[in-house]
Amino acid sequence: MAKVTTKYQVTVPRIIAKQYRLQPGDEIKWVEAGEIIHVIPPGTHSAPADTESRLRMFDLATARYKRAGSFKKRQTGGRGWKREDLYKRGRAH
């Protein structure tokens, strides 16, 4: 976990910097997404346009959430919607 300094600076953890090949002087993008902040490394796109990419990112995030131990399986036999439905709401097709 990184801390914000009194100058509002954040240190990127070494393992993350290596994974995304971040170098001193690289510019990263901070993107607001509701109550989450996405940090976008240089040379990448902030949001995939196609549904398949967005679903893949959803699956990866869910897997990380499960590994962190924060995910409790529901015992109720289903939630009544599929993850694909999340990308259809509010859009004219």
C-alpha atoms as a PDB file:
ATOM      1  CA  MET A   1       0.000   0.000   0.000  1.00  0.00           C
ATOM      2  CA  ALA A   2       1.301   3.444  -0.895  1.00  0.00           C
ATOM      3  CA  LYS A   3       0.920   6.578   1.219  1.00  0.00           C
ATOM      4  CA  VAL A   4       0.179  10.087   0.037  1.00  0.00           C
ATOM      5  CA  THR A   5       2.820  12.547   1.270  1.00  0.00           C
ATOM      6  CA  THR A   6       2.176  16.082   2.499  1.00  0.00           C
ATOM      7  CA  LYS A   7       3.002  17.227  -1.051  1.00  0.00           C
ATOM      8  CA  TYR A   8       0.324  14.822  -2.422  1.00  0.00           C
ATOM      9  CA  GLN A   9       2.955  12.555  -3.951  1.00  0.00           C
ATOM     10  CA  VAL A  10       2.602   8.781  -4.167  1.00  0.00           C
ATOM     11  CA  THR A  11       5.384   6.214  -4.540  1.00  0.00           C
ATOM     12  CA  VAL A  12       4.711   3.437  -7.022  1.00  0.00           C
ATOM     13  CA  PRO A  13       5.514   0.061  -5.441  1.00  0.00           C
ATOM     14  CA  ARG A  14       8.624  -1.493  -7.019  1.00  0.00           C
ATOM     15  CA  ILE A  15       6.817  -4.663  -8.118  1.00  0.00           C
ATOM     16  CA  ILE A  16       4.196  -2.577  -9.974  1.00  0.00           C
ATOM     17  CA  ALA A  17       6.854  -0.345 -11.541  1.00  0.00           C
ATOM     18  CA  LYS A  18       8.708  -3.402 -12.833  1.00  0.00           C
ATOM     19  CA  GLN A  19       5.553  -5.116 -14.091  1.00  0.00           C
ATOM     20  CA  TYR A  20       4.498  -2.050 -16.105  1.00  0.00           C
ATOM     21  CA  ARG A  21       8.073  -1.032 -17.003  1.00  0.00           C
ATOM     22  CA  LEU A  22       7.725   2.386 -15.369  1.00  0.00           C
ATOM     23  CA  GLN A  23      10.840   4.542 -15.370  1.00  0.00           C
ATOM     24  CA  PRO A  24      11.647   7.768 -13.490  1.00  0.00           C
ATOM     25  CA  GLY A  25      10.176  10.637 -15.479  1.00  0.00           C
ATOM     26  CA  ASP A  26       7.340   8.609 -17.021  1.00  0.00           C
ATOM     27  CA  GLU A  27       3.979  10.316 -16.945  1.00  0.00           C
ATOM     28  CA  ILE A  28       1.034   8.307 -15.656  1.00  0.00           C
ATOM     29  CA  LYS A  29      -2.613   9.213 -16.026  1.00  0.00           C
ATOM     30  CA  TRP A  30      -5.070   9.309 -13.104  1.00  0.00           C
ATOM     31  CA  VAL A  31      -8.651   8.552 -14.173  1.00  0.00           C
ATOM     32  CA  GLU A  32     -11.615   8.956 -11.855  1.00  0.00           C
ATOM     33  CA  ALA A  33     -14.157   6.111 -12.003  1.00  0.00           C
ATOM     34  CA  GLY A  34     -16.783   6.543  -9.312  1.00  0.00           C
ATOM     35  CA  GLU A  35     -15.135   5.747  -5.988  1.00  0.00           C
ATOM     36  CA  ILE A  36     -12.103   4.206  -7.708  1.00  0.00           C
ATOM     37  CA  ILE A  37      -9.052   5.882  -9.226  1.00  0.00           C
ATOM     38  CA  HIS A  38      -7.427   4.129 -12.174  1.00  0.00           C
ATOM     39  CA  VAL A  39      -3.717   4.725 -12.708  1.00  0.00           C
ATOM     40  CA  ILE A  40      -2.920   4.378 -16.395  1.00  0.00           C
ATOM     41  CA  PRO A  41       0.718   3.692 -17.343  1.00  0.00           C
ATOM     42  CA  PRO A  42       2.227   5.464 -20.349  1.00  0.00           C
ATOM     43  CA  GLY A  43       1.435   3.975 -23.738  1.00  0.00           C
ATOM     44  CA  THR A  44      -1.828   2.291 -22.695  1.00  0.00           C
ATOM     45  CA  HIS A  45      -5.429   3.218 -23.294  1.00  0.00           C
ATOM     46  CA  SER A  46      -7.572   4.388 -20.406  1.00  0.00           C
ATOM     47  CA  ALA A  47     -10.630   2.287 -21.247  1.00  0.00           C
ATOM     48  CA  PRO A  48     -11.119  -0.505 -23.773  1.00  0.00           C
ATOM     49  CA  ALA A  49     -13.900   0.219 -26.209  1.00  0.00           C
ATOM     50  CA  ASP A  50     -15.088  -3.268 -27.017  1.00  0.00           C
ATOM     51  CA  THR A  51     -17.258  -5.343 -24.701  1.00  0.00           C
ATOM     52  CA  GLU A  52     -14.957  -8.369 -24.810  1.00  0.00           C
ATOM     53  CA  SER A  53     -12.025  -6.361 -23.419  1.00  0.00           C
ATOM     54  CA  ARG A  54     -14.192  -4.785 -20.741  1.00  0.00           C
ATOM     55  CA  LEU A  55     -15.497  -8.205 -19.670  1.00  0.00           C
ATOM     56  CA  ARG A  56     -11.938  -9.572 -19.542  1.00  0.00           C
ATOM     57  CA  MET A  57     -10.930  -6.669 -17.274  1.00  0.00           C
ATOM     58  CA  PHE A  58     -14.011  -7.331 -15.121  1.00  0.00           C
ATOM     59  CA  ASP A  59     -12.993 -10.989 -14.761  1.00  0.00           C
ATOM     60  CA  LEU A  60      -9.415 -10.050 -13.830  1.00  0.00           C
ATOM     61  CA  ALA A  61     -10.616  -7.545 -11.224  1.00  0.00           C
ATOM     62  CA  THR A  62     -13.024 -10.104  -9.763  1.00  0.00           C
ATOM     63  CA  ALA A  63     -10.222 -12.675  -9.543  1.00  0.00           C
ATOM     64  CA  ARG A  64      -8.010 -10.166  -7.683  1.00  0.00           C
ATOM     65  CA  TYR A  65     -10.903  -9.369  -5.348  1.00  0.00           C
ATOM     66  CA  LYS A  66     -11.431 -13.060  -4.614  1.00  0.00           C
ATOM     67  CA  ARG A  67      -7.719 -13.630  -3.943  1.00  0.00           C
ATOM     68  CA  ALA A  68      -7.756 -10.744  -1.470  1.00  0.00           C
ATOM     69  CA  GLY A  69     -10.384 -12.615   0.565  1.00  0.00           C
ATOM     70  CA  SER A  70     -12.987  -9.859   0.222  1.00  0.00           C
ATOM     71  CA  PHE A  71     -15.382 -11.855  -1.912  1.00  0.00           C
ATOM     72  CA  LYS A  72     -18.086 -13.901  -0.198  1.00  0.00           C
ATOM     73  CA  LYS A  73     -19.990 -16.386  -2.276  1.00  0.00           C
ATOM     74  CA  ARG A  74     -23.702 -15.931  -2.207  1.00  0.00           C
ATOM     75  CA  GLN A  75     -25.710 -18.819  -0.916  1.00  0.00           C
ATOM     76  CA  THR A  76     -28.901 -17.585  -2.586  1.00  0.00           C
ATOM     77  CA  GLY A  77     -28.574 -19.465  -5.898  1.00  0.00           C
ATOM     78  CA  GLY A  78     -28.036 -16.485  -8.207  1.00  0.00           C
ATOM     79  CA  ARG A  79     -28.270 -12.754  -8.450  1.00  0.00           C
ATOM     80  CA  GLY A  80     -30.727 -12.553 -11.355  1.00  0.00           C
ATOM     81  CA  TRP A  81     -28.321 -10.886 -13.811  1.00  0.00           C
ATOM     82  CA  LYS A  82     -25.186 -11.675 -15.786  1.00  0.00           C
ATOM     83  CA  ARG A  83     -22.040  -9.587 -15.998  1.00  0.00           C
ATOM     84  CA  GLU A  84     -22.777  -8.884 -19.672  1.00  0.00           C
ATOM     85  CA  ASP A  85     -25.937  -7.054 -18.547  1.00  0.00           C
ATOM     86  CA  LEU A  86     -23.755  -4.432 -16.829  1.00  0.00           C
ATOM     87  CA  TYR A  87     -22.617  -3.141 -20.215  1.00  0.00           C
ATOM     88  CA  LYS A  88     -26.091  -2.963 -21.753  1.00  0.00           C
ATOM     89  CA  ARG A  89     -27.822  -0.822 -19.142  1.00  0.00           C
ATOM     90  CA  GLY A  90     -28.649   2.701 -20.183  1.00  0.00           C
ATOM     91  CA  ARG A  91     -27.489   2.286 -23.775  1.00  0.00           C
ATOM     92  CA  ALA A  92     -29.612   2.284 -26.895  1.00  0.00           C
ATOM     93  CA  HIS A  93     -28.890  -0.770 -29.052  1.00  0.00           C
END
